Amino acid sequence: QLQLVESGGGLVQPGGSLRLSCAHLGFNLDDYGIGWFRQAPGKEREGVSCIRTGDGIPYYADFVKGRFTISRHIANNTVYLQVNNLTPEDTAVYYCAARPSRFRTTCLEIFGYDHWGQGTQVTVSR
């Protein structure tokens, strides 16, 4: 059974950090790419960061470059998203998702992702 489970969200002050985790159960990373997305209240879901299938090259949205780092721990079946220097604009539900490797468009786009986790809330506030 294919399953994605996020954890690590919480309430943090501006400038703070969190490490989000995505446990991907049943997925072969040679067949699927993993991406992180977020959705703030009243806004569309947007791509944050992703790892390209196979070679593991990371991609980042411009608004998180230099602040967020995606990594994968193959033995633990987990993809992490280290989020640093958070601002209130980063407040959102963060989701991880999986996309079959046959999709060749940028992995930051939602198109093609057919498995989603339940999300983890990140709130940045004083």
Foldseek 3Di string as FASTA:
>chain_A
DWAWAKDWADEAAAQAKIKMKIQTPPDDLLFKKKFKWWDDPPDDIWTAKIFARDVRDIDGDPVQPPFWDWDDDVVRNMIMIIGGRDDQVPWTWMKMFMFTNVDDPPPRDPPRTDHIHPTDTHGYHD
